[in-house]
Amino acid sequence: MIIVMKPDAAKKDVEHVIKTIRDMKLRPHISRGKERTIIGAIGDERNLANIPLTTFAGVEKVLPILSPYKVVSREFKKENTLIRINGETIGGKRVVIMAGPCSIEGRDMLLSIGKKVKSAGASILRGGAFKPRTSPYSFQGMGKEGLELLKEAKHLLHMPVVTEIMDTRDIDLIADYTDLFQVGARNMQNFSLLKELGSTNKPILLKRGLSATIKELLMSAEYIASKGNEKIILCERGIRTFETETRNTLDLNAIPVIKKLTHLPVIVDPSHGTGRRDIVATMSMAAIAAGADGIIVEVHEHPDKALSDGEQSLTPDEFKQMVKAIGRIAHAIGRTI
């Protein structure tokens, strides 16, 4: 529930409400605006059922949050959340582009791609060190060595980096190397992992599951937020349907729907969403037109030789042309890149 304090509420009135929430084993979330302070009570609201909060000094009204996801809902917070990552802001006017190889394959390869995507307009470097693959015999990533290369690229190129986390046991390890944890589609409902990430202070890129509904995606985000970490970026990356011409069906109507339901920023992954290099640029433009706050795409200098996802990876030249096209779309709708 949300407790709205009166404009003239005293500091002690606010503190009394916060203490009451804590005494009832709930977590208070305080939002101080120019005119009012709003306090969210996070947890089992039944604990507050018999507490007459509306009679408390300084309380203007008490409102229930009707959606099953509380902290990430628009009911809880009206304004958009901005996620800041080493000088980059996701969720604002500027469209953020994340790019890099699906898998880190070596130092020279990573640095070369990193330089080219940065010069073309990418501001965050992506690269997988631990790769969840459908086949246990496929390339699984370079592991810690890959993380070390990613960190080196971060410092040499002066770019924040994002990489995937699959196991709770790797959180402390990967946290030392990345600026942004990526939770892949296969782990969207790995609730143990989500809760542990919720206890960190590092931003989370949460991808929609292969067959997940929008509600299920937001409930997964709530698992993270309920533990205190509200630095969450949602990612639409396509869902599995009966269509076989593309790897997945990129659900672009999810972007405006999600933005009405939550204050969290939303980006799109057209690489996994389509699985086809020839339409990644087109769907990237469509994603920005639909209101996405950014995109994350895979780039490889020799896609046909890539150790993973080469069929959906752009060449650096294709990526450069795509960024120019995205820029025109962004400008047309009042945004920048």
C-alpha atoms as a PDB file:
ATOM      1  CA  MET A   1       0.000   0.000   0.000  1.00  0.00           C
ATOM      2  CA  ILE A   2       0.941   3.657  -0.354  1.00  0.00           C
ATOM      3  CA  ILE A   3       0.659   6.172   2.477  1.00  0.00           C
ATOM      4  CA  VAL A   4       0.415   9.753   1.194  1.00  0.00           C
ATOM      5  CA  MET A   5       1.515  12.334   3.751  1.00  0.00           C
ATOM      6  CA  LYS A   6       0.028  15.823   3.959  1.00  0.00           C
ATOM      7  CA  PRO A   7       2.079  18.725   2.535  1.00  0.00           C
ATOM      8  CA  ASP A   8       2.588  20.104   6.048  1.00  0.00           C
ATOM      9  CA  ALA A   9       3.387  16.739   7.672  1.00  0.00           C
ATOM     10  CA  ALA A  10       6.102  17.075  10.295  1.00  0.00           C
ATOM     11  CA  LYS A  11       9.286  15.026  10.169  1.00  0.00           C
ATOM     12  CA  LYS A  12       8.225  13.142  13.295  1.00  0.00           C
ATOM     13  CA  ASP A  13       4.915  12.209  11.616  1.00  0.00           C
ATOM     14  CA  VAL A  14       6.768  10.655   8.695  1.00  0.00           C
ATOM     15  CA  GLU A  15       9.142   8.834  11.023  1.00  0.00           C
ATOM     16  CA  HIS A  16       6.203   7.471  13.049  1.00  0.00           C
ATOM     17  CA  VAL A  17       4.649   5.936   9.918  1.00  0.00           C
ATOM     18  CA  ILE A  18       8.006   4.461   8.861  1.00  0.00           C
ATOM     19  CA  LYS A  19       8.548   2.945  12.317  1.00  0.00           C
ATOM     20  CA  THR A  20       5.057   1.436  12.306  1.00  0.00           C
ATOM     21  CA  ILE A  21       5.700  -0.189   8.920  1.00  0.00           C
ATOM     22  CA  ARG A  22       8.980  -1.644  10.157  1.00  0.00           C
ATOM     23  CA  ASP A  23       7.400  -2.855  13.393  1.00  0.00           C
ATOM     24  CA  MET A  24       4.885  -4.779  11.287  1.00  0.00           C
ATOM     25  CA  LYS A  25       7.764  -6.544   9.472  1.00  0.00           C
ATOM     26  CA  LEU A  26       7.310  -4.630   6.213  1.00  0.00           C
ATOM     27  CA  ARG A  27       9.875  -2.568   4.310  1.00  0.00           C
ATOM     28  CA  PRO A  28       9.195   1.161   3.952  1.00  0.00           C
ATOM     29  CA  HIS A  29       9.980   2.856   0.653  1.00  0.00           C
ATOM     30  CA  ILE A  30      10.182   6.634   0.970  1.00  0.00           C
ATOM     31  CA  SER A  31       9.700   9.001  -1.964  1.00  0.00           C
ATOM     32  CA  ARG A  32      10.068  12.698  -1.111  1.00  0.00           C
ATOM     33  CA  GLY A  33       8.598  15.056  -3.684  1.00  0.00           C
ATOM     34  CA  LYS A  34       8.432  18.848  -3.772  1.00  0.00           C
ATOM     35  CA  GLU A  35       5.058  18.934  -2.021  1.00  0.00           C
ATOM     36  CA  ARG A  36       4.474  15.548  -0.430  1.00  0.00           C
ATOM     37  CA  THR A  37       6.218  12.549   0.982  1.00  0.00           C
ATOM     38  CA  ILE A  38       4.879   9.187  -0.157  1.00  0.00           C
ATOM     39  CA  ILE A  39       5.668   6.036   1.800  1.00  0.00           C
ATOM     40  CA  GLY A  40       5.250   2.582   0.322  1.00  0.00           C
ATOM     41  CA  ALA A  41       4.770  -0.434   2.592  1.00  0.00           C
ATOM     42  CA  ILE A  42       6.428  -3.417   0.918  1.00  0.00           C
ATOM     43  CA  GLY A  43       5.590  -6.919   2.079  1.00  0.00           C
ATOM     44  CA  ASP A  44       2.565  -8.752   3.432  1.00  0.00           C
ATOM     45  CA  GLU A  45       0.041  -5.932   3.788  1.00  0.00           C
ATOM     46  CA  ARG A  46      -2.171  -8.085   6.017  1.00  0.00           C
ATOM     47  CA  ASN A  47       0.222  -7.160   8.824  1.00  0.00           C
ATOM     48  CA  LEU A  48      -1.117  -3.608   8.597  1.00  0.00           C
ATOM     49  CA  ALA A  49      -4.785  -4.550   8.298  1.00  0.00           C
ATOM     50  CA  ASN A  50      -5.630  -3.578  11.871  1.00  0.00           C
ATOM     51  CA  ILE A  51      -3.479  -0.441  12.002  1.00  0.00           C
ATOM     52  CA  PRO A  52      -5.574   2.752  11.533  1.00  0.00           C
ATOM     53  CA  LEU A  53      -3.006   4.542   9.394  1.00  0.00           C
ATOM     54  CA  THR A  54      -5.527   7.117   8.181  1.00  0.00           C
ATOM     55  CA  THR A  55      -5.798   8.442  11.742  1.00  0.00           C
ATOM     56  CA  PHE A  56      -2.057   8.983  12.108  1.00  0.00           C
ATOM     57  CA  ALA A  57      -0.886  12.586  12.370  1.00  0.00           C
ATOM     58  CA  GLY A  58       0.244  13.916   9.018  1.00  0.00           C
ATOM     59  CA  VAL A  59      -1.365  11.169   6.912  1.00  0.00           C
ATOM     60  CA  GLU A  60      -3.552  12.438   4.072  1.00  0.00           C
ATOM     61  CA  LYS A  61      -4.705   9.106   2.620  1.00  0.00           C
ATOM     62  CA  VAL A  62      -3.856   5.430   2.268  1.00  0.00           C
ATOM     63  CA  LEU A  63      -4.090   3.793  -1.143  1.00  0.00           C
ATOM     64  CA  PRO A  64      -3.919   0.091  -2.032  1.00  0.00           C
ATOM     65  CA  ILE A  65      -1.696  -1.103  -4.874  1.00  0.00           C
ATOM     66  CA  LEU A  66      -3.972  -3.322  -6.925  1.00  0.00           C
ATOM     67  CA  SER A  67      -1.393  -4.951  -9.196  1.00  0.00           C
ATOM     68  CA  PRO A  68       0.373  -8.086  -7.878  1.00  0.00           C
ATOM     69  CA  TYR A  69       3.734  -6.421  -8.553  1.00  0.00           C
ATOM     70  CA  LYS A  70       4.093  -3.518  -6.133  1.00  0.00           C
ATOM     71  CA  VAL A  71       7.450  -1.741  -6.203  1.00  0.00           C
ATOM     72  CA  VAL A  72       7.808  -1.845  -9.998  1.00  0.00           C
ATOM     73  CA  SER A  73       4.253  -0.701 -10.748  1.00  0.00           C
ATOM     74  CA  ARG A  74       3.150   2.715 -12.013  1.00  0.00           C
ATOM     75  CA  GLU A  75       0.757   2.832  -9.076  1.00  0.00           C
ATOM     76  CA  PHE A  76       3.735   2.846  -6.748  1.00  0.00           C
ATOM     77  CA  LYS A  77       5.804   5.377  -8.709  1.00  0.00           C
ATOM     78  CA  LYS A  78       4.437   7.676 -11.399  1.00  0.00           C
ATOM     79  CA  GLU A  79       7.652   9.120 -12.812  1.00  0.00           C
ATOM     80  CA  ASN A  80      10.065   7.086 -14.953  1.00  0.00           C
ATOM     81  CA  THR A  81      13.012   5.493 -13.207  1.00  0.00           C
ATOM     82  CA  LEU A  82      16.420   6.466 -14.572  1.00  0.00           C
ATOM     83  CA  ILE A  83      19.203   3.898 -14.296  1.00  0.00           C
ATOM     84  CA  ARG A  84      22.678   5.432 -14.156  1.00  0.00           C
ATOM     85  CA  ILE A  85      25.648   3.283 -15.125  1.00  0.00           C
ATOM     86  CA  ASN A  86      29.069   4.933 -15.022  1.00  0.00           C
ATOM     87  CA  GLY A  87      27.944   8.145 -16.655  1.00  0.00           C
ATOM     88  CA  GLU A  88      25.302   6.554 -18.898  1.00  0.00           C
ATOM     89  CA  THR A  89      21.597   7.038 -18.158  1.00  0.00           C
ATOM     90  CA  ILE A  90      18.967   4.560 -19.311  1.00  0.00           C
ATOM     91  CA  GLY A  91      15.334   5.651 -19.316  1.00  0.00           C
ATOM     92  CA  GLY A  92      15.790   9.293 -20.216  1.00  0.00           C
ATOM     93  CA  LYS A  93      15.541  11.192 -23.493  1.00  0.00           C
ATOM     94  CA  ARG A  94      18.635   9.555 -24.941  1.00  0.00           C
ATOM     95  CA  VAL A  95      18.352   6.126 -26.550  1.00  0.00           C
ATOM     96  CA  VAL A  96      21.171   3.901 -25.261  1.00  0.00           C
ATOM     97  CA  ILE A  97      22.854   1.354 -27.515  1.00  0.00           C
ATOM     98  CA  MET A  98      24.579  -1.735 -26.103  1.00  0.00           C
ATOM     99  CA  ALA A  99      26.612  -3.795 -28.554  1.00  0.00           C
ATOM    100  CA  GLY A 100      29.333  -6.388 -28.770  1.00  0.00           C
ATOM    101  CA  PRO A 101      29.909 -10.079 -29.434  1.00  0.00           C
ATOM    102  CA  CYS A 102      27.546 -12.756 -28.173  1.00  0.00           C
ATOM    103  CA  SER A 103      30.523 -14.571 -26.681  1.00  0.00           C
ATOM    104  CA  ILE A 104      33.961 -13.286 -25.802  1.00  0.00           C
ATOM    105  CA  GLU A 105      36.324 -15.340 -27.978  1.00  0.00           C
ATOM    106  CA  GLY A 106      39.650 -13.616 -27.329  1.00  0.00           C
ATOM    107  CA  ARG A 107      41.368 -10.342 -26.456  1.00  0.00           C
ATOM    108  CA  ASP A 108      42.056  -9.017 -29.945  1.00  0.00           C
ATOM    109  CA  MET A 109      38.567  -9.890 -31.124  1.00  0.00           C
ATOM    110  CA  LEU A 110      36.858  -8.168 -28.161  1.00  0.00           C
ATOM    111  CA  LEU A 111      38.953  -4.997 -28.329  1.00  0.00           C
ATOM    112  CA  SER A 112      38.568  -4.703 -32.083  1.00  0.00           C
ATOM    113  CA  ILE A 113      34.780  -5.051 -31.964  1.00  0.00           C
ATOM    114  CA  GLY A 114      34.591  -2.790 -28.919  1.00  0.00           C
ATOM    115  CA  LYS A 115      36.466   0.026 -30.670  1.00  0.00           C
ATOM    116  CA  LYS A 116      34.279  -0.220 -33.750  1.00  0.00           C
ATOM    117  CA  VAL A 117      30.927  -0.290 -31.965  1.00  0.00           C
ATOM    118  CA  LYS A 118      31.963   2.615 -29.742  1.00  0.00           C
ATOM    119  CA  SER A 119      33.009   4.745 -32.727  1.00  0.00           C
ATOM    120  CA  ALA A 120      29.678   3.918 -34.376  1.00  0.00           C
ATOM    121  CA  GLY A 121      27.633   5.068 -31.377  1.00  0.00           C
ATOM    122  CA  ALA A 122      27.418   2.281 -28.798  1.00  0.00           C
ATOM    123  CA  SER A 123      27.904   3.438 -25.217  1.00  0.00           C
ATOM    124  CA  ILE A 124      27.861   0.072 -23.386  1.00  0.00           C
ATOM    125  CA  LEU A 125      29.876  -2.999 -24.396  1.00  0.00           C
ATOM    126  CA  ARG A 126      28.231  -6.409 -24.159  1.00  0.00           C
ATOM    127  CA  GLY A 127      30.100  -9.712 -24.087  1.00  0.00           C
ATOM    128  CA  GLY A 128      29.262 -13.151 -22.732  1.00  0.00           C
ATOM    129  CA  ALA A 129      31.781 -14.948 -20.507  1.00  0.00           C
ATOM    130  CA  PHE A 130      29.386 -17.657 -19.289  1.00  0.00           C
ATOM    131  CA  LYS A 131      27.005 -18.795 -22.028  1.00  0.00           C
ATOM    132  CA  PRO A 132      23.831 -20.844 -21.479  1.00  0.00           C
ATOM    133  CA  ARG A 133      23.544 -23.017 -24.595  1.00  0.00           C
ATOM    134  CA  THR A 134      20.827 -25.404 -25.686  1.00  0.00           C
ATOM    135  CA  SER A 135      23.412 -28.091 -26.354  1.00  0.00           C
ATOM    136  CA  PRO A 136      25.900 -29.079 -23.624  1.00  0.00           C
ATOM    137  CA  TYR A 137      28.462 -29.599 -26.416  1.00  0.00           C
ATOM    138  CA  SER A 138      28.276 -26.033 -27.734  1.00  0.00           C
ATOM    139  CA  PHE A 139      30.785 -23.357 -26.728  1.00  0.00           C
ATOM    140  CA  GLN A 140      30.021 -22.369 -23.141  1.00  0.00           C
ATOM    141  CA  GLY A 141      32.153 -19.234 -22.929  1.00  0.00           C
ATOM    142  CA  MET A 142      35.622 -18.455 -21.593  1.00  0.00           C
ATOM    143  CA  GLY A 143      34.502 -18.086 -17.972  1.00  0.00           C
ATOM    144  CA  LYS A 144      36.758 -16.078 -15.678  1.00  0.00           C
ATOM    145  CA  GLU A 145      39.304 -15.476 -18.429  1.00  0.00           C
ATOM    146  CA  GLY A 146      36.519 -13.891 -20.465  1.00  0.00           C
ATOM    147  CA  LEU A 147      35.587 -11.677 -17.529  1.00  0.00           C
ATOM    148  CA  GLU A 148      39.189 -10.490 -17.228  1.00  0.00           C
ATOM    149  CA  LEU A 149      39.230  -9.585 -20.920  1.00  0.00           C
ATOM    150  CA  LEU A 150      35.925  -7.754 -20.544  1.00  0.00           C
ATOM    151  CA  LYS A 151      37.275  -5.711 -17.646  1.00  0.00           C
ATOM    152  CA  GLU A 152      40.396  -4.855 -19.623  1.00  0.00           C
ATOM    153  CA  ALA A 153      38.237  -3.720 -22.546  1.00  0.00           C
ATOM    154  CA  LYS A 154      36.169  -1.606 -20.168  1.00  0.00           C
ATOM    155  CA  HIS A 155      39.221   0.319 -18.992  1.00  0.00           C
ATOM    156  CA  LEU A 156      40.925   0.614 -22.378  1.00  0.00           C
ATOM    157  CA  LEU A 157      37.782   1.723 -24.196  1.00  0.00           C
ATOM    158  CA  HIS A 158      36.246   3.699 -21.301  1.00  0.00           C
ATOM    159  CA  MET A 159      32.917   1.897 -21.728  1.00  0.00           C
ATOM    160  CA  PRO A 160      30.639   0.320 -19.102  1.00  0.00           C
ATOM    161  CA  VAL A 161      30.187  -3.417 -19.703  1.00  0.00           C
ATOM    162  CA  VAL A 162      27.353  -5.920 -19.344  1.00  0.00           C
ATOM    163  CA  THR A 163      27.619  -9.707 -19.092  1.00  0.00           C
ATOM    164  CA  GLU A 164      25.331 -12.574 -18.182  1.00  0.00           C
ATOM    165  CA  ILE A 165      24.953 -14.129 -14.733  1.00  0.00           C
ATOM    166  CA  MET A 166      23.526 -17.659 -14.465  1.00  0.00           C
ATOM    167  CA  ASP A 167      24.435 -18.914 -11.004  1.00  0.00           C
ATOM    168  CA  THR A 168      24.105 -17.413  -7.520  1.00  0.00           C
ATOM    169  CA  ARG A 169      27.587 -18.756  -6.761  1.00  0.00           C
ATOM    170  CA  ASP A 170      29.070 -16.453  -9.412  1.00  0.00           C
ATOM    171  CA  ILE A 171      27.568 -13.165  -8.187  1.00  0.00           C
ATOM    172  CA  ASP A 172      30.578 -11.997  -6.182  1.00  0.00           C
ATOM    173  CA  LEU A 173      32.962 -13.054  -8.950  1.00  0.00           C
ATOM    174  CA  ILE A 174      31.109 -11.351 -11.808  1.00  0.00           C
ATOM    175  CA  ALA A 175      30.348  -8.246  -9.731  1.00  0.00           C
ATOM    176  CA  ASP A 176      34.068  -7.436  -9.744  1.00  0.00           C
ATOM    177  CA  TYR A 177      34.133  -7.319 -13.536  1.00  0.00           C
ATOM    178  CA  THR A 178      30.815  -5.965 -14.789  1.00  0.00           C
ATOM    179  CA  ASP A 179      28.800  -2.756 -14.448  1.00  0.00           C
ATOM    180  CA  LEU A 180      25.488  -4.418 -15.262  1.00  0.00           C
ATOM    181  CA  PHE A 181      24.288  -7.947 -14.513  1.00  0.00           C
ATOM    182  CA  GLN A 182      22.321  -9.526 -17.356  1.00  0.00           C
ATOM    183  CA  VAL A 183      19.732 -12.148 -16.417  1.00  0.00           C
ATOM    184  CA  GLY A 184      19.038 -14.161 -19.557  1.00  0.00           C
ATOM    185  CA  ALA A 185      15.677 -15.428 -20.769  1.00  0.00           C
ATOM    186  CA  ARG A 186      16.324 -18.915 -19.418  1.00  0.00           C
ATOM    187  CA  ASN A 187      16.858 -17.530 -15.922  1.00  0.00           C
ATOM    188  CA  MET A 188      14.013 -15.007 -15.790  1.00  0.00           C
ATOM    189  CA  GLN A 189      12.210 -17.210 -13.256  1.00  0.00           C
ATOM    190  CA  ASN A 190      15.300 -18.412 -11.401  1.00  0.00           C
ATOM    191  CA  PHE A 191      13.891 -16.883  -8.223  1.00  0.00           C
ATOM    192  CA  SER A 192      16.875 -17.789  -6.053  1.00  0.00           C
ATOM    193  CA  LEU A 193      19.130 -15.872  -8.428  1.00  0.00           C
ATOM    194  CA  LEU A 194      16.715 -12.928  -8.628  1.00  0.00           C
ATOM    195  CA  LYS A 195      16.494 -12.605  -4.840  1.00  0.00           C
ATOM    196  CA  GLU A 196      20.263 -12.687  -4.452  1.00  0.00           C
ATOM    197  CA  LEU A 197      20.669 -10.033  -7.156  1.00  0.00           C
ATOM    198  CA  GLY A 198      18.066  -7.975  -5.320  1.00  0.00           C
ATOM    199  CA  SER A 199      20.455  -7.785  -2.389  1.00  0.00           C
ATOM    200  CA  THR A 200      23.208  -6.268  -4.535  1.00  0.00           C
ATOM    201  CA  ASN A 201      23.527  -2.611  -5.461  1.00  0.00           C
ATOM    202  CA  LYS A 202      24.381  -3.216  -9.116  1.00  0.00           C
ATOM    203  CA  PRO A 203      21.936  -2.585 -12.003  1.00  0.00           C
ATOM    204  CA  ILE A 204      20.155  -5.628 -13.461  1.00  0.00           C
ATOM    205  CA  LEU A 205      19.194  -6.187 -17.102  1.00  0.00           C
ATOM    206  CA  LEU A 206      16.267  -8.613 -16.909  1.00  0.00           C
ATOM    207  CA  LYS A 207      15.321 -10.372 -20.137  1.00  0.00           C
ATOM    208  CA  ARG A 208      11.836 -11.688 -20.799  1.00  0.00           C
ATOM    209  CA  GLY A 209      11.562 -15.480 -20.756  1.00  0.00           C
ATOM    210  CA  LEU A 210      10.999 -17.508 -23.910  1.00  0.00           C
ATOM    211  CA  SER A 211       7.329 -18.101 -23.114  1.00  0.00           C
ATOM    212  CA  ALA A 212       6.749 -15.543 -20.371  1.00  0.00           C
ATOM    213  CA  THR A 213       3.804 -13.188 -20.206  1.00  0.00           C
ATOM    214  CA  ILE A 214       4.334  -9.509 -19.461  1.00  0.00           C
ATOM    215  CA  LYS A 215       2.885 -10.065 -15.999  1.00  0.00           C
ATOM    216  CA  GLU A 216       5.384 -12.856 -15.329  1.00  0.00           C
ATOM    217  CA  LEU A 217       8.238 -10.580 -16.437  1.00  0.00           C
ATOM    218  CA  LEU A 218       7.096  -7.863 -14.044  1.00  0.00           C
ATOM    219  CA  MET A 219       6.680 -10.351 -11.207  1.00  0.00           C
ATOM    220  CA  SER A 220      10.288 -11.442 -11.776  1.00  0.00           C
ATOM    221  CA  ALA A 221      11.342  -7.800 -11.598  1.00  0.00           C
ATOM    222  CA  GLU A 222       9.388  -7.552  -8.346  1.00  0.00           C
ATOM    223  CA  TYR A 223      11.481 -10.387  -6.870  1.00  0.00           C
ATOM    224  CA  ILE A 224      14.569  -8.231  -7.393  1.00  0.00           C
ATOM    225  CA  ALA A 225      12.960  -4.969  -6.260  1.00  0.00           C
ATOM    226  CA  SER A 226      11.388  -6.526  -3.162  1.00  0.00           C
ATOM    227  CA  LYS A 227      14.893  -7.156  -1.804  1.00  0.00           C
ATOM    228  CA  GLY A 228      15.847  -3.500  -2.187  1.00  0.00           C
ATOM    229  CA  ASN A 229      17.474  -3.259  -5.615  1.00  0.00           C
ATOM    230  CA  GLU A 230      15.259  -1.166  -7.899  1.00  0.00           C
ATOM    231  CA  LYS A 231      17.940  -0.610 -10.562  1.00  0.00           C
ATOM    232  CA  ILE A 232      16.197  -2.832 -13.080  1.00  0.00           C
ATOM    233  CA  ILE A 233      16.125  -2.576 -16.870  1.00  0.00           C
ATOM    234  CA  LEU A 234      13.549  -4.761 -18.617  1.00  0.00           C
ATOM    235  CA  CYS A 235      14.390  -6.341 -21.958  1.00  0.00           C
ATOM    236  CA  GLU A 236      11.996  -7.599 -24.621  1.00  0.00           C
ATOM    237  CA  ARG A 237      13.884 -10.262 -26.589  1.00  0.00           C
ATOM    238  CA  GLY A 238      11.151 -12.150 -28.392  1.00  0.00           C
ATOM    239  CA  ILE A 239       8.886 -14.974 -27.322  1.00  0.00           C
ATOM    240  CA  ARG A 240       8.370 -18.462 -28.686  1.00  0.00           C
ATOM    241  CA  THR A 241       5.363 -18.830 -30.975  1.00  0.00           C
ATOM    242  CA  PHE A 242       4.313 -21.167 -33.791  1.00  0.00           C
ATOM    243  CA  GLU A 243       6.238 -19.056 -36.339  1.00  0.00           C
ATOM    244  CA  THR A 244       9.412 -20.688 -37.676  1.00  0.00           C
ATOM    245  CA  GLU A 245      10.738 -18.061 -40.108  1.00  0.00           C
ATOM    246  CA  THR A 246      12.378 -16.227 -37.210  1.00  0.00           C
ATOM    247  CA  ARG A 247      14.117 -17.524 -34.101  1.00  0.00           C
ATOM    248  CA  ASN A 248      11.479 -15.885 -31.897  1.00  0.00           C
ATOM    249  CA  THR A 249       8.585 -13.482 -32.372  1.00  0.00           C
ATOM    250  CA  LEU A 250       9.727 -10.019 -31.313  1.00  0.00           C
ATOM    251  CA  ASP A 251       6.806  -8.666 -29.278  1.00  0.00           C
ATOM    252  CA  LEU A 252       7.068  -4.937 -29.940  1.00  0.00           C
ATOM    253  CA  ASN A 253       3.621  -4.160 -28.542  1.00  0.00           C
ATOM    254  CA  ALA A 254       5.079  -5.201 -25.205  1.00  0.00           C
ATOM    255  CA  ILE A 255       7.058  -1.935 -25.106  1.00  0.00           C
ATOM    256  CA  PRO A 256       4.138   0.524 -24.739  1.00  0.00           C
ATOM    257  CA  VAL A 257       2.210  -1.981 -22.618  1.00  0.00           C
ATOM    258  CA  ILE A 258       5.084  -2.401 -20.172  1.00  0.00           C
ATOM    259  CA  LYS A 259       5.647   1.355 -20.015  1.00  0.00           C
ATOM    260  CA  LYS A 260       2.046   1.859 -18.924  1.00  0.00           C
ATOM    261  CA  LEU A 261       2.369  -0.782 -16.224  1.00  0.00           C
ATOM    262  CA  THR A 262       5.797   0.037 -14.801  1.00  0.00           C
ATOM    263  CA  HIS A 263       8.172   2.948 -14.249  1.00  0.00           C
ATOM    264  CA  LEU A 264      11.206   0.848 -15.207  1.00  0.00           C
ATOM    265  CA  PRO A 265      13.092   1.474 -18.482  1.00  0.00           C
ATOM    266  CA  VAL A 266      12.627  -0.989 -21.347  1.00  0.00           C
ATOM    267  CA  ILE A 267      15.130  -1.977 -24.011  1.00  0.00           C
ATOM    268  CA  VAL A 268      14.866  -4.427 -26.910  1.00  0.00           C
ATOM    269  CA  ASP A 269      17.125  -7.247 -28.132  1.00  0.00           C
ATOM    270  CA  PRO A 270      16.395  -7.622 -31.856  1.00  0.00           C
ATOM    271  CA  SER A 271      19.251 -10.099 -32.300  1.00  0.00           C
ATOM    272  CA  HIS A 272      17.661 -12.835 -30.189  1.00  0.00           C
ATOM    273  CA  GLY A 273      14.211 -11.549 -31.034  1.00  0.00           C
ATOM    274  CA  THR A 274      14.630 -12.404 -34.708  1.00  0.00           C
ATOM    275  CA  GLY A 275      17.691 -14.623 -35.041  1.00  0.00           C
ATOM    276  CA  ARG A 276      18.201 -13.089 -38.489  1.00  0.00           C
ATOM    277  CA  ARG A 277      20.946 -10.622 -39.313  1.00  0.00           C
ATOM    278  CA  ASP A 278      19.024  -9.251 -42.299  1.00  0.00           C
ATOM    279  CA  ILE A 279      16.155  -7.851 -40.201  1.00  0.00           C
ATOM    280  CA  VAL A 280      17.932  -6.794 -36.999  1.00  0.00           C
ATOM    281  CA  ALA A 281      18.281  -3.197 -38.210  1.00  0.00           C
ATOM    282  CA  THR A 282      14.633  -2.973 -39.284  1.00  0.00           C
ATOM    283  CA  MET A 283      13.362  -4.267 -35.939  1.00  0.00           C
ATOM    284  CA  SER A 284      15.759  -1.993 -34.061  1.00  0.00           C
ATOM    285  CA  MET A 285      14.221   1.025 -35.782  1.00  0.00           C
ATOM    286  CA  ALA A 286      10.730  -0.285 -35.057  1.00  0.00           C
ATOM    287  CA  ALA A 287      11.663  -0.775 -31.387  1.00  0.00           C
ATOM    288  CA  ILE A 288      12.798   2.829 -31.015  1.00  0.00           C
ATOM    289  CA  ALA A 289       9.670   4.063 -32.789  1.00  0.00           C
ATOM    290  CA  ALA A 290       7.592   2.021 -30.326  1.00  0.00           C
ATOM    291  CA  GLY A 291       9.233   3.781 -27.364  1.00  0.00           C
ATOM    292  CA  ALA A 292      12.141   1.548 -26.335  1.00  0.00           C
ATOM    293  CA  ASP A 293      14.793   3.248 -24.198  1.00  0.00           C
ATOM    294  CA  GLY A 294      17.573   1.393 -25.962  1.00  0.00           C
ATOM    295  CA  ILE A 295      18.662  -1.720 -27.794  1.00  0.00           C
ATOM    296  CA  ILE A 296      21.203  -4.480 -27.217  1.00  0.00           C
ATOM    297  CA  VAL A 297      22.608  -6.104 -30.339  1.00  0.00           C
ATOM    298  CA  GLU A 298      25.269  -8.644 -31.239  1.00  0.00           C
ATOM    299  CA  VAL A 299      28.178  -7.611 -33.461  1.00  0.00           C
ATOM    300  CA  HIS A 300      30.969  -9.799 -34.855  1.00  0.00           C
ATOM    301  CA  GLU A 301      33.625  -9.055 -37.461  1.00  0.00           C
ATOM    302  CA  HIS A 302      33.185 -12.492 -39.036  1.00  0.00           C
ATOM    303  CA  PRO A 303      29.667 -13.694 -38.145  1.00  0.00           C
ATOM    304  CA  ASP A 304      30.007 -16.911 -40.142  1.00  0.00           C
ATOM    305  CA  LYS A 305      32.939 -17.918 -37.916  1.00  0.00           C
ATOM    306  CA  ALA A 306      31.394 -16.832 -34.602  1.00  0.00           C
ATOM    307  CA  LEU A 307      31.394 -19.443 -31.844  1.00  0.00           C
ATOM    308  CA  SER A 308      27.801 -18.540 -30.952  1.00  0.00           C
ATOM    309  CA  ASP A 309      24.856 -16.780 -32.629  1.00  0.00           C
ATOM    310  CA  GLY A 310      26.686 -15.798 -35.785  1.00  0.00           C
ATOM    311  CA  GLU A 311      23.502 -15.940 -37.839  1.00  0.00           C
ATOM    312  CA  GLN A 312      22.062 -12.994 -35.910  1.00  0.00           C
ATOM    313  CA  SER A 313      25.233 -10.935 -35.471  1.00  0.00           C
ATOM    314  CA  LEU A 314      25.782  -7.763 -37.478  1.00  0.00           C
ATOM    315  CA  THR A 315      29.126  -6.874 -39.010  1.00  0.00           C
ATOM    316  CA  PRO A 316      30.650  -3.596 -37.747  1.00  0.00           C
ATOM    317  CA  ASP A 317      29.700  -1.873 -41.013  1.00  0.00           C
ATOM    318  CA  GLU A 318      26.097  -3.104 -40.766  1.00  0.00           C
ATOM    319  CA  PHE A 319      25.995  -1.915 -37.182  1.00  0.00           C
ATOM    320  CA  LYS A 320      27.268   1.533 -38.159  1.00  0.00           C
ATOM    321  CA  GLN A 321      24.550   1.900 -40.783  1.00  0.00           C
ATOM    322  CA  MET A 322      21.912   0.711 -38.324  1.00  0.00           C
ATOM    323  CA  VAL A 323      22.917   3.315 -35.727  1.00  0.00           C
ATOM    324  CA  LYS A 324      22.526   6.071 -38.318  1.00  0.00           C
ATOM    325  CA  ALA A 325      19.030   4.826 -39.123  1.00  0.00           C
ATOM    326  CA  ILE A 326      18.131   4.605 -35.450  1.00  0.00           C
ATOM    327  CA  GLY A 327      19.319   8.166 -35.001  1.00  0.00           C
ATOM    328  CA  ARG A 328      16.843   9.390 -37.600  1.00  0.00           C
ATOM    329  CA  ILE A 329      13.980   7.538 -35.912  1.00  0.00           C
ATOM    330  CA  ALA A 330      14.991   8.845 -32.479  1.00  0.00           C
ATOM    331  CA  HIS A 331      15.131  12.425 -33.770  1.00  0.00           C
ATOM    332  CA  ALA A 332      11.682  12.080 -35.360  1.00  0.00           C
ATOM    333  CA  ILE A 333      10.113  11.191 -32.006  1.00  0.00           C
ATOM    334  CA  GLY A 334      11.978  13.798 -29.973  1.00  0.00           C
ATOM    335  CA  ARG A 335      14.815  11.641 -28.638  1.00  0.00           C
ATOM    336  CA  THR A 336      18.559  11.436 -29.235  1.00  0.00           C
ATOM    337  CA  ILE A 337      21.242   8.744 -29.406  1.00  0.00           C
END
